[in-house]
Amino acid sequence: MSTRSHIIIKGAKPMIYRHCDGYPGKADGSEPGVLADIIPFLTKFKKWRGDDKEYLTARLTQHLCNLFERDAEEEEKYGPNFLSLSIDLGLHGDEAYVYIIDTSKPTWTVQVREAKRELWEHPLLRNTKLVETVKVPEYVETVKAG
């Protein structure tokens, strides 16, 4: 079964539903997963766009869709990947994890929340438990040697 998850931007109405590969992974990219996919994006977005929840929701969705895009050979064999991500207005109850991005303070954070059994029957945030809170690092300019 797929590891489903929701990504919520605190203060925005729509949320992102990730149909598969919703496990956390590591923020530093050493293990694949949601944190490895979103933390580098959030770092850049914060630097160049700031606290703009609507654009953040749209551009993060686009970023994740780009990561899930099939190459030409896969698309020819399986067709386009229309199942991996969607926009939602509420929890389903089938997600294993819920991620909450908080941009309301100078230090942005991502809460990783794991579903409790009760989430299946009552898809509410209170039926998740906090696993960890990850700080979004500040953008650091890199200079290429040339």
Protein backbone atom coordinates (compact mmCIF):
# COMPACT_ATOMS: atom_id res chain seq x y z
CA MET A 1 0.00 0.00 0.00
CA SER A 2 1.17 3.51 -0.74
CA THR A 3 2.32 5.80 2.06
CA ARG A 4 -0.18 8.64 1.69
CA SER A 5 0.26 12.05 3.25
CA HIS A 6 -1.03 15.60 3.35
CA ILE A 7 1.10 18.74 3.33
CA ILE A 8 -0.62 21.67 5.01
CA ILE A 9 0.59 25.25 4.82
CA LYS A 10 -0.68 26.78 8.06
CA GLY A 11 -3.12 29.58 7.25
CA ALA A 12 -3.89 28.41 3.69
CA LYS A 13 -7.14 26.65 2.83
CA PRO A 14 -6.03 24.12 0.23
CA MET A 15 -3.58 21.39 1.18
CA ILE A 16 -1.45 19.06 -0.93
CA TYR A 17 -2.32 15.36 -1.01
CA ARG A 18 0.59 13.05 -1.80
CA HIS A 19 -0.73 9.66 -2.88
CA CYS A 20 2.54 7.78 -2.42
CA ASP A 21 6.05 8.12 -0.98
CA GLY A 22 4.71 10.16 1.93
CA TYR A 23 7.19 8.92 4.52
CA PRO A 24 9.34 11.67 6.10
CA GLY A 25 12.87 10.74 5.02
CA LYS A 26 15.56 13.16 6.20
CA ALA A 27 15.63 16.95 5.79
CA ASP A 28 19.29 16.81 4.74
CA GLY A 29 18.43 14.53 1.81
CA SER A 30 20.34 11.52 3.20
CA GLU A 31 17.07 9.51 3.09
CA PRO A 32 14.44 10.11 0.41
CA GLY A 33 11.00 11.31 1.47
CA VAL A 34 8.81 14.35 1.94
CA LEU A 35 11.32 16.34 4.01
CA ALA A 36 14.09 15.74 1.46
CA ASP A 37 11.71 16.95 -1.27
CA ILE A 38 10.33 20.06 0.43
CA ILE A 39 13.02 21.51 2.73
CA PRO A 40 15.39 22.72 -0.06
CA PHE A 41 12.41 24.23 -1.89
CA LEU A 42 11.13 25.99 1.26
CA THR A 43 14.59 27.42 1.95
CA LYS A 44 14.71 29.05 -1.50
CA PHE A 45 11.07 30.14 -1.46
CA LYS A 46 11.49 31.88 1.89
CA LYS A 47 14.52 33.81 0.62
CA TRP A 48 13.05 34.89 -2.72
CA ARG A 49 9.28 35.10 -2.11
CA GLY A 50 8.70 35.21 1.64
CA ASP A 51 5.51 34.43 3.52
CA ASP A 52 3.05 34.17 0.63
CA LYS A 53 0.87 31.19 1.44
CA GLU A 54 -1.08 31.08 -1.83
CA TYR A 55 2.03 31.16 -4.00
CA LEU A 56 3.74 28.72 -1.65
CA THR A 57 0.89 26.23 -2.04
CA ALA A 58 0.88 26.57 -5.83
CA ARG A 59 4.63 26.49 -6.34
CA LEU A 60 5.25 23.66 -3.87
CA THR A 61 2.62 21.61 -5.70
CA GLN A 62 4.35 22.37 -9.01
CA HIS A 63 7.74 21.48 -7.52
CA LEU A 64 6.46 18.14 -6.25
CA CYS A 65 4.73 17.38 -9.56
CA ASN A 66 8.04 18.01 -11.34
CA LEU A 67 9.74 15.50 -9.01
CA PHE A 68 7.09 12.86 -9.82
CA GLU A 69 7.13 13.50 -13.58
CA ARG A 70 7.83 10.38 -15.61
CA ASP A 71 10.56 10.39 -18.23
CA ALA A 72 9.57 9.91 -21.88
CA GLU A 73 10.15 6.14 -21.83
CA GLU A 74 8.05 5.61 -18.70
CA GLU A 75 5.28 7.84 -20.03
CA GLU A 76 5.18 5.89 -23.30
CA LYS A 77 4.89 2.63 -21.34
CA TYR A 78 2.56 3.69 -18.49
CA GLY A 79 1.02 6.98 -19.59
CA PRO A 80 1.24 10.31 -17.74
CA ASN A 81 1.37 10.25 -13.94
CA PHE A 82 -1.91 11.87 -12.91
CA LEU A 83 -2.21 10.06 -9.58
CA SER A 84 0.75 11.18 -7.47
CA LEU A 85 -0.46 14.60 -6.20
CA SER A 86 -3.64 16.60 -5.81
CA ILE A 87 -5.12 19.59 -4.01
CA ASP A 88 -7.53 18.91 -1.14
CA LEU A 89 -9.63 20.89 1.29
CA GLY A 90 -9.71 18.26 4.03
CA LEU A 91 -8.00 15.18 5.41
CA HIS A 92 -9.10 11.79 4.05
CA GLY A 93 -8.27 9.56 6.98
CA ASP A 94 -6.06 7.24 4.93
CA GLU A 95 -2.84 9.22 5.29
CA ALA A 96 0.07 7.86 7.28
CA TYR A 97 1.63 11.30 7.80
CA VAL A 98 0.56 14.93 7.90
CA TYR A 99 3.12 17.70 7.44
CA ILE A 100 2.35 21.22 8.66
CA ILE A 101 4.47 24.05 7.27
CA ASP A 102 4.42 27.09 9.57
CA THR A 103 5.63 30.34 7.97
CA SER A 104 4.19 32.65 10.64
CA LYS A 105 7.47 33.20 12.53
CA PRO A 106 10.91 34.27 11.31
CA THR A 107 12.10 30.66 11.62
CA TRP A 108 9.90 28.50 9.41
CA THR A 109 9.18 24.96 10.62
CA VAL A 110 7.71 21.73 9.32
CA GLN A 111 5.86 19.53 11.78
CA VAL A 112 5.90 15.83 10.98
CA ARG A 113 2.75 14.24 12.38
CA GLU A 114 1.93 10.54 12.31
CA ALA A 115 -1.61 9.24 12.02
CA LYS A 116 -3.21 7.60 15.04
CA ARG A 117 -5.69 4.79 14.50
CA GLU A 118 -8.58 7.22 15.13
CA LEU A 119 -7.72 9.20 11.98
CA TRP A 120 -9.42 6.55 9.82
CA GLU A 121 -12.79 7.16 11.47
CA HIS A 122 -12.33 10.84 12.32
CA PRO A 123 -9.95 12.62 9.91
CA LEU A 124 -8.98 15.50 12.22
CA LEU A 125 -5.53 16.84 13.10
CA ARG A 126 -6.08 15.96 16.75
CA ASN A 127 -5.95 12.32 15.62
CA THR A 128 -2.30 12.68 14.68
CA LYS A 129 0.74 12.78 16.94
CA LEU A 130 3.78 15.01 16.61
CA VAL A 131 6.86 13.01 15.61
CA GLU A 132 9.31 15.87 15.08
CA THR A 133 9.57 19.53 14.16
CA VAL A 134 12.15 20.46 11.54
CA LYS A 135 13.49 23.99 11.12
CA VAL A 136 13.76 25.29 7.58
CA PRO A 137 17.35 26.52 7.21
CA GLU A 138 18.17 30.00 5.96
CA TYR A 139 19.24 30.31 2.35
CA VAL A 140 23.03 30.48 1.96
CA GLU A 141 24.46 31.98 -1.20
CA THR A 142 27.00 29.66 -2.83
CA VAL A 143 29.79 31.09 -4.93
CA LYS A 144 31.03 28.99 -7.82
CA ALA A 145 34.77 28.86 -8.28
CA GLY A 146 35.61 30.02 -11.72
